[in-house]
Amino acid sequence: MITTHSLSKGIKNITQLLLVAVLVILLSACSEPTGMDAPFSSASSPIYQESMKALEDQITASQYQQLKRAINYLNMNSTQYSSLEDFRKSLDGSTAAKIIKRADALKVSKQNATPG
């Protein structure tokens, strides 16, 4: 037979478990983004090199190559920057995922602009 005391204890245990689960979810949402979602720093050439090295250690080799190709494509096909430093500064604060999307969008734009 279930007593009021054991029912109360069970509800207390479930409440504590739910509280712990909510706290874990909240804490995981507060963690610093890493890998493809980490902000990319490229305010200067040395900072750019450090950021690339850090990303190389955090993402897969395939993702790293995809990022390098995207950066090269943007560099070669973006006409609004007067220097490599200006181009790199344009990447500052973006994530690797956003840089890749930006390159993909430029490719599509160029393909759509090409007749035939």
PDB file of N, CA and C in Angstrom:
ATOM      1  N   MET A   1       0.835  -1.174   0.000  1.00  0.00           N
ATOM      2  CA  MET A   1       0.000   0.000   0.000  1.00  0.00           C
ATOM      3  C   MET A   1       0.888   1.248   0.000  1.00  0.00           C
ATOM      4  N   ILE A   2       0.592   2.192  -0.873  1.00  0.00           N
ATOM      5  CA  ILE A   2       1.366   3.420  -0.977  1.00  0.00           C
ATOM      6  C   ILE A   2       0.882   4.398   0.073  1.00  0.00           C
ATOM      7  N   THR A   3       1.830   4.891   0.845  1.00  0.00           N
ATOM      8  CA  THR A   3       1.478   5.855   1.884  1.00  0.00           C
ATOM      9  C   THR A   3       1.715   7.269   1.376  1.00  0.00           C
ATOM     10  N   THR A   4       1.125   8.197   2.057  1.00  0.00           N
ATOM     11  CA  THR A   4       1.291   9.604   1.697  1.00  0.00           C
ATOM     12  C   THR A   4       2.750  10.008   1.778  1.00  0.00           C
ATOM     13  N   HIS A   5       3.451   9.465   2.746  1.00  0.00           N
ATOM     14  CA  HIS A   5       4.874   9.787   2.916  1.00  0.00           C
ATOM     15  C   HIS A   5       5.701   9.302   1.721  1.00  0.00           C
ATOM     16  N   SER A   6       5.485   8.059   1.280  1.00  0.00           N
ATOM     17  CA  SER A   6       6.267   7.540   0.156  1.00  0.00           C
ATOM     18  C   SER A   6       5.882   8.231  -1.147  1.00  0.00           C
ATOM     19  N   LEU A   7       4.628   8.619  -1.313  1.00  0.00           N
ATOM     20  CA  LEU A   7       4.196   9.357  -2.494  1.00  0.00           C
ATOM     21  C   LEU A   7       4.852  10.729  -2.514  1.00  0.00           C
ATOM     22  N   SER A   8       4.890  11.390  -1.366  1.00  0.00           N
ATOM     23  CA  SER A   8       5.525  12.702  -1.246  1.00  0.00           C
ATOM     24  C   SER A   8       7.015  12.611  -1.549  1.00  0.00           C
ATOM     25  N   LYS A   9       7.657  11.565  -1.064  1.00  0.00           N
ATOM     26  CA  LYS A   9       9.088  11.364  -1.316  1.00  0.00           C
ATOM     27  C   LYS A   9       9.338  11.123  -2.809  1.00  0.00           C
ATOM     28  N   GLY A  10       8.468  10.364  -3.461  1.00  0.00           N
ATOM     29  CA  GLY A  10       8.604  10.103  -4.892  1.00  0.00           C
ATOM     30  C   GLY A  10       8.458  11.370  -5.722  1.00  0.00           C
ATOM     31  N   ILE A  11       7.507  12.205  -5.363  1.00  0.00           N
ATOM     32  CA  ILE A  11       7.302  13.477  -6.066  1.00  0.00           C
ATOM     33  C   ILE A  11       8.516  14.378  -5.870  1.00  0.00           C
ATOM     34  N   LYS A  12       9.060  14.381  -4.654  1.00  0.00           N
ATOM     35  CA  LYS A  12      10.254  15.186  -4.368  1.00  0.00           C
ATOM     36  C   LYS A  12      11.435  14.710  -5.224  1.00  0.00           C
ATOM     37  N   ASN A  13      11.616  13.397  -5.354  1.00  0.00           N
ATOM     38  CA  ASN A  13      12.708  12.851  -6.161  1.00  0.00           C
ATOM     39  C   ASN A  13      12.539  13.213  -7.638  1.00  0.00           C
ATOM     40  N   ILE A  14      11.320  13.128  -8.156  1.00  0.00           N
ATOM     41  CA  ILE A  14      11.055  13.476  -9.556  1.00  0.00           C
ATOM     42  C   ILE A  14      11.312  14.958  -9.778  1.00  0.00           C
ATOM     43  N   THR A  15      10.889  15.791  -8.838  1.00  0.00           N
ATOM     44  CA  THR A  15      11.111  17.233  -8.939  1.00  0.00           C
ATOM     45  C   THR A  15      12.602  17.552  -8.965  1.00  0.00           C
ATOM     46  N   GLN A  16      13.377  16.890  -8.114  1.00  0.00           N
ATOM     47  CA  GLN A  16      14.829  17.114  -8.086  1.00  0.00           C
ATOM     48  C   GLN A  16      15.465  16.667  -9.403  1.00  0.00           C
ATOM     49  N   LEU A  17      15.025  15.540  -9.927  1.00  0.00           N
ATOM     50  CA  LEU A  17      15.559  15.035 -11.195  1.00  0.00           C
ATOM     51  C   LEU A  17      15.255  16.002 -12.336  1.00  0.00           C
ATOM     52  N   LEU A  18      14.039  16.517 -12.375  1.00  0.00           N
ATOM     53  CA  LEU A  18      13.679  17.494 -13.412  1.00  0.00           C
ATOM     54  C   LEU A  18      14.495  18.771 -13.273  1.00  0.00           C
ATOM     55  N   LEU A  19      14.718  19.209 -12.060  1.00  0.00           N
ATOM     56  CA  LEU A  19      15.517  20.413 -11.824  1.00  0.00           C
ATOM     57  C   LEU A  19      16.947  20.221 -12.324  1.00  0.00           C
ATOM     58  N   VAL A  20      17.538  19.076 -12.034  1.00  0.00           N
ATOM     59  CA  VAL A  20      18.894  18.778 -12.505  1.00  0.00           C
ATOM     60  C   VAL A  20      18.919  18.752 -14.036  1.00  0.00           C
ATOM     61  N   ALA A  21      17.928  18.141 -14.664  1.00  0.00           N
ATOM     62  CA  ALA A  21      17.876  18.071 -16.125  1.00  0.00           C
ATOM     63  C   ALA A  21      17.779  19.461 -16.738  1.00  0.00           C
ATOM     64  N   VAL A  22      16.945  20.313 -16.166  1.00  0.00           N
ATOM     65  CA  VAL A  22      16.805  21.684 -16.666  1.00  0.00           C
ATOM     66  C   VAL A  22      18.120  22.442 -16.512  1.00  0.00           C
ATOM     67  N   LEU A  23      18.792  22.295 -15.392  1.00  0.00           N
ATOM     68  CA  LEU A  23      20.074  22.971 -15.173  1.00  0.00           C
ATOM     69  C   LEU A  23      21.134  22.505 -16.166  1.00  0.00           C
ATOM     70  N   VAL A  24      21.178  21.217 -16.442  1.00  0.00           N
ATOM     71  CA  VAL A  24      22.143  20.694 -17.414  1.00  0.00           C
ATOM     72  C   VAL A  24      21.881  21.290 -18.792  1.00  0.00           C
ATOM     73  N   ILE A  25      20.628  21.364 -19.183  1.00  0.00           N
ATOM     74  CA  ILE A  25      20.280  21.937 -20.483  1.00  0.00           C
ATOM     75  C   ILE A  25      20.666  23.410 -20.537  1.00  0.00           C
ATOM     76  N   LEU A  26      20.366  24.149 -19.490  1.00  0.00           N
ATOM     77  CA  LEU A  26      20.713  25.573 -19.460  1.00  0.00           C
ATOM     78  C   LEU A  26      22.217  25.788 -19.501  1.00  0.00           C
ATOM     79  N   LEU A  27      22.969  25.000 -18.758  1.00  0.00           N
ATOM     80  CA  LEU A  27      24.420  25.154 -18.737  1.00  0.00           C
ATOM     81  C   LEU A  27      25.040  24.789 -20.080  1.00  0.00           C
ATOM     82  N   SER A  28      24.512  23.795 -20.751  1.00  0.00           N
ATOM     83  CA  SER A  28      25.065  23.426 -22.051  1.00  0.00           C
ATOM     84  C   SER A  28      24.791  24.509 -23.087  1.00  0.00           C
ATOM     85  N   ALA A  29      23.710  25.233 -22.947  1.00  0.00           N
ATOM     86  CA  ALA A  29      23.399  26.319 -23.867  1.00  0.00           C
ATOM     87  C   ALA A  29      24.313  27.520 -23.646  1.00  0.00           C
ATOM     88  N   CYS A  30      24.889  27.628 -22.464  1.00  0.00           N
ATOM     89  CA  CYS A  30      25.749  28.762 -22.134  1.00  0.00           C
ATOM     90  C   CYS A  30      27.209  28.531 -22.502  1.00  0.00           C
ATOM     91  N   SER A  31      27.561  27.357 -22.952  1.00  0.00           N
ATOM     92  CA  SER A  31      28.968  27.069 -23.238  1.00  0.00           C
ATOM     93  C   SER A  31      29.426  27.807 -24.497  1.00  0.00           C
ATOM     94  N   GLU A  32      30.710  28.038 -24.569  1.00  0.00           N
ATOM     95  CA  GLU A  32      31.307  28.723 -25.704  1.00  0.00           C
ATOM     96  C   GLU A  32      31.185  27.859 -26.961  1.00  0.00           C
ATOM     97  N   PRO A  33      30.806  28.469 -28.077  1.00  0.00           N
ATOM     98  CA  PRO A  33      30.755  27.681 -29.308  1.00  0.00           C
ATOM     99  C   PRO A  33      32.162  27.270 -29.746  1.00  0.00           C
ATOM    100  N   THR A  34      32.255  26.117 -30.344  1.00  0.00           N
ATOM    101  CA  THR A  34      33.545  25.618 -30.817  1.00  0.00           C
ATOM    102  C   THR A  34      33.399  25.136 -32.255  1.00  0.00           C
ATOM    103  N   GLY A  35      34.518  24.842 -32.855  1.00  0.00           N
ATOM    104  CA  GLY A  35      34.514  24.264 -34.196  1.00  0.00           C
ATOM    105  C   GLY A  35      33.892  25.171 -35.226  1.00  0.00           C
ATOM    106  N   MET A  36      32.990  24.620 -36.017  1.00  0.00           N
ATOM    107  CA  MET A  36      32.385  25.345 -37.128  1.00  0.00           C
ATOM    108  C   MET A  36      31.523  26.521 -36.654  1.00  0.00           C
ATOM    109  N   ASP A  37      31.126  26.532 -35.388  1.00  0.00           N
ATOM    110  CA  ASP A  37      30.266  27.592 -34.866  1.00  0.00           C
ATOM    111  C   ASP A  37      31.009  28.611 -34.011  1.00  0.00           C
ATOM    112  N   ALA A  38      32.309  28.464 -33.881  1.00  0.00           N
ATOM    113  CA  ALA A  38      33.099  29.417 -33.103  1.00  0.00           C
ATOM    114  C   ALA A  38      33.365  30.670 -33.942  1.00  0.00           C
ATOM    115  N   PRO A  39      33.355  31.841 -33.323  1.00  0.00           N
ATOM    116  CA  PRO A  39      33.683  33.053 -34.074  1.00  0.00           C
ATOM    117  C   PRO A  39      35.115  32.992 -34.602  1.00  0.00           C
ATOM    118  N   PHE A  40      35.283  33.383 -35.831  1.00  0.00           N
ATOM    119  CA  PHE A  40      36.568  33.369 -36.510  1.00  0.00           C
ATOM    120  C   PHE A  40      37.217  34.725 -36.306  1.00  0.00           C
ATOM    121  N   SER A  41      38.474  34.742 -35.895  1.00  0.00           N
ATOM    122  CA  SER A  41      39.190  35.998 -35.671  1.00  0.00           C
ATOM    123  C   SER A  41      40.199  36.225 -36.787  1.00  0.00           C
ATOM    124  N   SER A  42      40.094  37.388 -37.413  1.00  0.00           N
ATOM    125  CA  SER A  42      41.031  37.681 -38.505  1.00  0.00           C
ATOM    126  C   SER A  42      41.305  39.182 -38.622  1.00  0.00           C
ATOM    127  N   ALA A  43      41.364  39.852 -37.483  1.00  0.00           N
ATOM    128  CA  ALA A  43      41.598  41.291 -37.489  1.00  0.00           C
ATOM    129  C   ALA A  43      42.993  41.648 -37.999  1.00  0.00           C
ATOM    130  N   SER A  44      43.928  40.727 -37.898  1.00  0.00           N
ATOM    131  CA  SER A  44      45.275  40.938 -38.424  1.00  0.00           C
ATOM    132  C   SER A  44      45.800  39.593 -38.918  1.00  0.00           C
ATOM    133  N   SER A  45      46.888  39.627 -39.649  1.00  0.00           N
ATOM    134  CA  SER A  45      47.455  38.395 -40.199  1.00  0.00           C
ATOM    135  C   SER A  45      47.853  37.384 -39.113  1.00  0.00           C
ATOM    136  N   PRO A  46      48.547  37.808 -38.037  1.00  0.00           N
ATOM    137  CA  PRO A  46      48.886  36.829 -36.993  1.00  0.00           C
ATOM    138  C   PRO A  46      47.651  36.237 -36.304  1.00  0.00           C
ATOM    139  N   ILE A  47      46.640  37.069 -36.078  1.00  0.00           N
ATOM    140  CA  ILE A  47      45.413  36.578 -35.447  1.00  0.00           C
ATOM    141  C   ILE A  47      44.702  35.606 -36.384  1.00  0.00           C
ATOM    142  N   TYR A  48      44.713  35.916 -37.684  1.00  0.00           N
ATOM    143  CA  TYR A  48      44.126  35.015 -38.684  1.00  0.00           C
ATOM    144  C   TYR A  48      44.820  33.652 -38.643  1.00  0.00           C
ATOM    145  N   GLN A  49      46.138  33.656 -38.603  1.00  0.00           N
ATOM    146  CA  GLN A  49      46.894  32.399 -38.562  1.00  0.00           C
ATOM    147  C   GLN A  49      46.575  31.601 -37.295  1.00  0.00           C
ATOM    148  N   GLU A  50      46.484  32.291 -36.161  1.00  0.00           N
ATOM    149  CA  GLU A  50      46.145  31.620 -34.905  1.00  0.00           C
ATOM    150  C   GLU A  50      44.743  31.013 -34.967  1.00  0.00           C
ATOM    151  N   SER A  51      43.823  31.762 -35.533  1.00  0.00           N
ATOM    152  CA  SER A  51      42.442  31.288 -35.636  1.00  0.00           C
ATOM    153  C   SER A  51      42.353  30.068 -36.542  1.00  0.00           C
ATOM    154  N   MET A  52      43.066  30.094 -37.657  1.00  0.00           N
ATOM    155  CA  MET A  52      43.074  28.942 -38.565  1.00  0.00           C
ATOM    156  C   MET A  52      43.668  27.717 -37.869  1.00  0.00           C
ATOM    157  N   LYS A  53      44.738  27.906 -37.111  1.00  0.00           N
ATOM    158  CA  LYS A  53      45.370  26.791 -36.398  1.00  0.00           C
ATOM    159  C   LYS A  53      44.413  26.213 -35.343  1.00  0.00           C
ATOM    160  N   ALA A  54      43.736  27.096 -34.621  1.00  0.00           N
ATOM    161  CA  ALA A  54      42.779  26.636 -33.613  1.00  0.00           C
ATOM    162  C   ALA A  54      41.642  25.857 -34.265  1.00  0.00           C
ATOM    163  N   LEU A  55      41.151  26.343 -35.389  1.00  0.00           N
ATOM    164  CA  LEU A  55      40.074  25.640 -36.094  1.00  0.00           C
ATOM    165  C   LEU A  55      40.549  24.289 -36.608  1.00  0.00           C
ATOM    166  N   GLU A  56      41.761  24.232 -37.093  1.00  0.00           N
ATOM    167  CA  GLU A  56      42.297  22.967 -37.614  1.00  0.00           C
ATOM    168  C   GLU A  56      42.277  21.884 -36.531  1.00  0.00           C
ATOM    169  N   ASP A  57      42.484  22.296 -35.287  1.00  0.00           N
ATOM    170  CA  ASP A  57      42.484  21.345 -34.174  1.00  0.00           C
ATOM    171  C   ASP A  57      41.075  20.975 -33.703  1.00  0.00           C
ATOM    172  N   GLN A  58      40.074  21.763 -34.088  1.00  0.00           N
ATOM    173  CA  GLN A  58      38.713  21.562 -33.578  1.00  0.00           C
ATOM    174  C   GLN A  58      37.762  20.898 -34.564  1.00  0.00           C
ATOM    175  N   ILE A  59      38.071  20.960 -35.855  1.00  0.00           N
ATOM    176  CA  ILE A  59      37.154  20.431 -36.854  1.00  0.00           C
ATOM    177  C   ILE A  59      37.825  19.304 -37.631  1.00  0.00           C
ATOM    178  N   THR A  60      37.034  18.586 -38.402  1.00  0.00           N
ATOM    179  CA  THR A  60      37.593  17.479 -39.171  1.00  0.00           C
ATOM    180  C   THR A  60      38.476  18.015 -40.291  1.00  0.00           C
ATOM    181  N   ALA A  61      39.326  17.159 -40.820  1.00  0.00           N
ATOM    182  CA  ALA A  61      40.198  17.551 -41.932  1.00  0.00           C
ATOM    183  C   ALA A  61      39.371  17.976 -43.139  1.00  0.00           C
ATOM    184  N   SER A  62      38.286  17.295 -43.379  1.00  0.00           N
ATOM    185  CA  SER A  62      37.395  17.630 -44.488  1.00  0.00           C
ATOM    186  C   SER A  62      36.777  19.020 -44.304  1.00  0.00           C
ATOM    187  N   GLN A  63      36.321  19.313 -43.094  1.00  0.00           N
ATOM    188  CA  GLN A  63      35.748  20.629 -42.816  1.00  0.00           C
ATOM    189  C   GLN A  63      36.799  21.722 -42.956  1.00  0.00           C
ATOM    190  N   TYR A  64      38.008  21.433 -42.500  1.00  0.00           N
ATOM    191  CA  TYR A  64      39.091  22.413 -42.588  1.00  0.00           C
ATOM    192  C   TYR A  64      39.423  22.717 -44.050  1.00  0.00           C
ATOM    193  N   GLN A  65      39.486  21.684 -44.876  1.00  0.00           N
ATOM    194  CA  GLN A  65      39.758  21.890 -46.304  1.00  0.00           C
ATOM    195  C   GLN A  65      38.620  22.668 -46.964  1.00  0.00           C
ATOM    196  N   GLN A  66      37.396  22.363 -46.568  1.00  0.00           N
ATOM    197  CA  GLN A  66      36.240  23.079 -47.105  1.00  0.00           C
ATOM    198  C   GLN A  66      36.317  24.560 -46.725  1.00  0.00           C
ATOM    199  N   LEU A  67      36.708  24.856 -45.493  1.00  0.00           N
ATOM    200  CA  LEU A  67      36.864  26.237 -45.051  1.00  0.00           C
ATOM    201  C   LEU A  67      37.955  26.940 -45.840  1.00  0.00           C
ATOM    202  N   LYS A  68      39.102  26.282 -46.003  1.00  0.00           N
ATOM    203  CA  LYS A  68      40.199  26.898 -46.765  1.00  0.00           C
ATOM    204  C   LYS A  68      39.782  27.186 -48.207  1.00  0.00           C
ATOM    205  N   ARG A  69      39.068  26.236 -48.827  1.00  0.00           N
ATOM    206  CA  ARG A  69      38.585  26.459 -50.196  1.00  0.00           C
ATOM    207  C   ARG A  69      37.614  27.632 -50.240  1.00  0.00           C
ATOM    208  N   ALA A  70      36.746  27.724 -49.249  1.00  0.00           N
ATOM    209  CA  ALA A  70      35.780  28.825 -49.203  1.00  0.00           C
ATOM    210  C   ALA A  70      36.489  30.169 -49.055  1.00  0.00           C
ATOM    211  N   ILE A  71      37.468  30.232 -48.171  1.00  0.00           N
ATOM    212  CA  ILE A  71      38.213  31.480 -47.981  1.00  0.00           C
ATOM    213  C   ILE A  71      38.946  31.858 -49.265  1.00  0.00           C
ATOM    214  N   ASN A  72      39.590  30.894 -49.892  1.00  0.00           N
ATOM    215  CA  ASN A  72      40.294  31.172 -51.153  1.00  0.00           C
ATOM    216  C   ASN A  72      39.330  31.631 -52.238  1.00  0.00           C
ATOM    217  N   TYR A  73      38.181  30.977 -52.334  1.00  0.00           N
ATOM    218  CA  TYR A  73      37.193  31.358 -53.343  1.00  0.00           C
ATOM    219  C   TYR A  73      36.714  32.786 -53.105  1.00  0.00           C
ATOM    220  N   LEU A  74      36.382  33.102 -51.858  1.00  0.00           N
ATOM    221  CA  LEU A  74      35.941  34.462 -51.544  1.00  0.00           C
ATOM    222  C   LEU A  74      37.026  35.481 -51.837  1.00  0.00           C
ATOM    223  N   ASN A  75      38.249  35.158 -51.486  1.00  0.00           N
ATOM    224  CA  ASN A  75      39.365  36.063 -51.726  1.00  0.00           C
ATOM    225  C   ASN A  75      39.548  36.336 -53.215  1.00  0.00           C
ATOM    226  N   MET A  76      39.446  35.300 -54.023  1.00  0.00           N
ATOM    227  CA  MET A  76      39.678  35.445 -55.473  1.00  0.00           C
ATOM    228  C   MET A  76      38.481  36.079 -56.200  1.00  0.00           C
ATOM    229  N   ASN A  77      37.286  35.991 -55.615  1.00  0.00           N
ATOM    230  CA  ASN A  77      36.091  36.429 -56.318  1.00  0.00           C
ATOM    231  C   ASN A  77      35.361  37.602 -55.675  1.00  0.00           C
ATOM    232  N   SER A  78      35.899  38.153 -54.620  1.00  0.00           N
ATOM    233  CA  SER A  78      35.301  39.324 -53.986  1.00  0.00           C
ATOM    234  C   SER A  78      36.068  40.551 -54.452  1.00  0.00           C
ATOM    235  N   THR A  79      35.374  41.423 -55.140  1.00  0.00           N
ATOM    236  CA  THR A  79      36.055  42.576 -55.738  1.00  0.00           C
ATOM    237  C   THR A  79      36.001  43.833 -54.878  1.00  0.00           C
ATOM    238  N   GLN A  80      35.279  43.797 -53.773  1.00  0.00           N
ATOM    239  CA  GLN A  80      35.115  45.021 -52.991  1.00  0.00           C
ATOM    240  C   GLN A  80      36.254  45.310 -52.012  1.00  0.00           C
ATOM    241  N   TYR A  81      37.252  44.449 -51.946  1.00  0.00           N
ATOM    242  CA  TYR A  81      38.346  44.646 -50.980  1.00  0.00           C
ATOM    243  C   TYR A  81      39.615  45.046 -51.713  1.00  0.00           C
ATOM    244  N   SER A  82      40.289  46.071 -51.174  1.00  0.00           N
ATOM    245  CA  SER A  82      41.477  46.591 -51.848  1.00  0.00           C
ATOM    246  C   SER A  82      42.755  45.850 -51.468  1.00  0.00           C
ATOM    247  N   SER A  83      42.697  45.044 -50.412  1.00  0.00           N
ATOM    248  CA  SER A  83      43.896  44.315 -50.000  1.00  0.00           C
ATOM    249  C   SER A  83      43.495  43.017 -49.309  1.00  0.00           C
ATOM    250  N   LEU A  84      44.483  42.148 -49.152  1.00  0.00           N
ATOM    251  CA  LEU A  84      44.254  40.897 -48.441  1.00  0.00           C
ATOM    252  C   LEU A  84      43.851  41.166 -46.998  1.00  0.00           C
ATOM    253  N   GLU A  85      44.462  42.169 -46.381  1.00  0.00           N
ATOM    254  CA  GLU A  85      44.110  42.527 -44.998  1.00  0.00           C
ATOM    255  C   GLU A  85      42.651  42.952 -44.901  1.00  0.00           C
ATOM    256  N   ASP A  86      42.189  43.774 -45.866  1.00  0.00           N
ATOM    257  CA  ASP A  86      40.784  44.193 -45.864  1.00  0.00           C
ATOM    258  C   ASP A  86      39.857  42.991 -46.023  1.00  0.00           C
ATOM    259  N   PHE A  87      40.234  42.075 -46.902  1.00  0.00           N
ATOM    260  CA  PHE A  87      39.431  40.871 -47.097  1.00  0.00           C
ATOM    261  C   PHE A  87      39.377  40.063 -45.811  1.00  0.00           C
ATOM    262  N   ARG A  88      40.530  39.841 -45.191  1.00  0.00           N
ATOM    263  CA  ARG A  88      40.558  39.051 -43.953  1.00  0.00           C
ATOM    264  C   ARG A  88      39.751  39.721 -42.852  1.00  0.00           C
ATOM    265  N   LYS A  89      39.804  41.040 -42.781  1.00  0.00           N
ATOM    266  CA  LYS A  89      39.013  41.764 -41.781  1.00  0.00           C
ATOM    267  C   LYS A  89      37.524  41.542 -42.013  1.00  0.00           C
ATOM    268  N   SER A  90      37.126  41.341 -43.265  1.00  0.00           N
ATOM    269  CA  SER A  90      35.709  41.103 -43.562  1.00  0.00           C
ATOM    270  C   SER A  90      35.234  39.761 -42.997  1.00  0.00           C
ATOM    271  N   LEU A  91      36.165  38.859 -42.749  1.00  0.00           N
ATOM    272  CA  LEU A  91      35.829  37.548 -42.191  1.00  0.00           C
ATOM    273  C   LEU A  91      35.748  37.583 -40.667  1.00  0.00           C
ATOM    274  N   ASP A  92      36.323  38.605 -40.060  1.00  0.00           N
ATOM    275  CA  ASP A  92      36.427  38.684 -38.605  1.00  0.00           C
ATOM    276  C   ASP A  92      35.048  38.625 -37.942  1.00  0.00           C
ATOM    277  N   GLY A  93      34.902  37.705 -37.003  1.00  0.00           N
ATOM    278  CA  GLY A  93      33.661  37.551 -36.265  1.00  0.00           C
ATOM    279  C   GLY A  93      32.696  36.544 -36.870  1.00  0.00           C
ATOM    280  N   SER A  94      32.920  36.166 -38.121  1.00  0.00           N
ATOM    281  CA  SER A  94      32.076  35.142 -38.747  1.00  0.00           C
ATOM    282  C   SER A  94      32.475  33.779 -38.211  1.00  0.00           C
ATOM    283  N   THR A  95      31.616  32.819 -38.395  1.00  0.00           N
ATOM    284  CA  THR A  95      31.963  31.443 -38.043  1.00  0.00           C
ATOM    285  C   THR A  95      32.434  30.740 -39.309  1.00  0.00           C
ATOM    286  N   ALA A  96      33.108  29.620 -39.153  1.00  0.00           N
ATOM    287  CA  ALA A  96      33.543  28.840 -40.312  1.00  0.00           C
ATOM    288  C   ALA A  96      32.332  28.442 -41.142  1.00  0.00           C
ATOM    289  N   ALA A  97      31.250  28.060 -40.480  1.00  0.00           N
ATOM    290  CA  ALA A  97      30.030  27.672 -41.194  1.00  0.00           C
ATOM    291  C   ALA A  97      29.493  28.833 -42.023  1.00  0.00           C
ATOM    292  N   LYS A  98      29.511  30.041 -41.483  1.00  0.00           N
ATOM    293  CA  LYS A  98      29.019  31.216 -42.219  1.00  0.00           C
ATOM    294  C   LYS A  98      29.938  31.572 -43.379  1.00  0.00           C
ATOM    295  N   ILE A  99      31.233  31.414 -43.197  1.00  0.00           N
ATOM    296  CA  ILE A  99      32.181  31.701 -44.276  1.00  0.00           C
ATOM    297  C   ILE A  99      31.930  30.745 -45.444  1.00  0.00           C
ATOM    298  N   ILE A 100      31.710  29.483 -45.146  1.00  0.00           N
ATOM    299  CA  ILE A 100      31.433  28.493 -46.193  1.00  0.00           C
ATOM    300  C   ILE A 100      30.115  28.825 -46.893  1.00  0.00           C
ATOM    301  N   LYS A 101      29.095  29.194 -46.131  1.00  0.00           N
ATOM    302  CA  LYS A 101      27.803  29.566 -46.725  1.00  0.00           C
ATOM    303  C   LYS A 101      27.957  30.803 -47.604  1.00  0.00           C
ATOM    304  N   ARG A 102      28.760  31.743 -47.161  1.00  0.00           N
ATOM    305  CA  ARG A 102      28.994  32.964 -47.939  1.00  0.00           C
ATOM    306  C   ARG A 102      29.646  32.630 -49.275  1.00  0.00           C
ATOM    307  N   ALA A 103      30.620  31.729 -49.257  1.00  0.00           N
ATOM    308  CA  ALA A 103      31.275  31.314 -50.510  1.00  0.00           C
ATOM    309  C   ALA A 103      30.294  30.569 -51.407  1.00  0.00           C
ATOM    310  N   ASP A 104      29.496  29.688 -50.829  1.00  0.00           N
ATOM    311  CA  ASP A 104      28.495  28.956 -51.616  1.00  0.00           C
ATOM    312  C   ASP A 104      27.489  29.913 -52.247  1.00  0.00           C
ATOM    313  N   ALA A 105      27.058  30.921 -51.498  1.00  0.00           N
ATOM    314  CA  ALA A 105      26.107  31.902 -52.026  1.00  0.00           C
ATOM    315  C   ALA A 105      26.730  32.701 -53.173  1.00  0.00           C
ATOM    316  N   LEU A 106      28.011  33.041 -53.044  1.00  0.00           N
ATOM    317  CA  LEU A 106      28.687  33.770 -54.117  1.00  0.00           C
ATOM    318  C   LEU A 106      28.799  32.906 -55.362  1.00  0.00           C
ATOM    319  N   LYS A 107      29.092  31.627 -55.197  1.00  0.00           N
ATOM    320  CA  LYS A 107      29.160  30.706 -56.339  1.00  0.00           C
ATOM    321  C   LYS A 107      27.829  30.643 -57.065  1.00  0.00           C
ATOM    322  N   VAL A 108      26.761  30.493 -56.309  1.00  0.00           N
ATOM    323  CA  VAL A 108      25.417  30.417 -56.906  1.00  0.00           C
ATOM    324  C   VAL A 108      25.100  31.724 -57.625  1.00  0.00           C
ATOM    325  N   SER A 109      25.428  32.832 -56.998  1.00  0.00           N
ATOM    326  CA  SER A 109      25.182  34.140 -57.595  1.00  0.00           C
ATOM    327  C   SER A 109      25.923  34.290 -58.918  1.00  0.00           C
ATOM    328  N   LYS A 110      27.174  33.860 -58.931  1.00  0.00           N
ATOM    329  CA  LYS A 110      27.971  33.938 -60.160  1.00  0.00           C
ATOM    330  C   LYS A 110      27.421  33.005 -61.238  1.00  0.00           C
ATOM    331  N   GLN A 111      26.981  31.813 -60.845  1.00  0.00           N
ATOM    332  CA  GLN A 111      26.418  30.865 -61.805  1.00  0.00           C
ATOM    333  C   GLN A 111      25.118  31.402 -62.398  1.00  0.00           C
ATOM    334  N   ASN A 112      24.298  32.017 -61.578  1.00  0.00           N
ATOM    335  CA  ASN A 112      23.035  32.580 -62.053  1.00  0.00           C
ATOM    336  C   ASN A 112      23.258  33.786 -62.943  1.00  0.00           C
ATOM    337  N   ALA A 113      24.359  34.503 -62.741  1.00  0.00           N
ATOM    338  CA  ALA A 113      24.658  35.685 -63.547  1.00  0.00           C
ATOM    339  C   ALA A 113      25.274  35.323 -64.889  1.00  0.00           C
ATOM    340  N   THR A 114      25.798  34.109 -64.997  1.00  0.00           N
ATOM    341  CA  THR A 114      26.434  33.683 -66.244  1.00  0.00           C
ATOM    342  C   THR A 114      25.361  33.215 -67.222  1.00  0.00           C
ATOM    343  N   PRO A 115      25.288  33.833 -68.415  1.00  0.00           N
ATOM    344  CA  PRO A 115      24.276  33.417 -69.383  1.00  0.00           C
ATOM    345  C   PRO A 115      24.566  32.028 -69.954  1.00  0.00           C
ATOM    346  N   GLY A 116      23.471  31.321 -70.252  1.00  0.00           N
ATOM    347  CA  GLY A 116      23.549  30.056 -70.958  1.00  0.00           C
ATOM    348  C   GLY A 116      24.067  28.944 -70.199  1.00  0.00           C
TER     349      GLY A 116
END
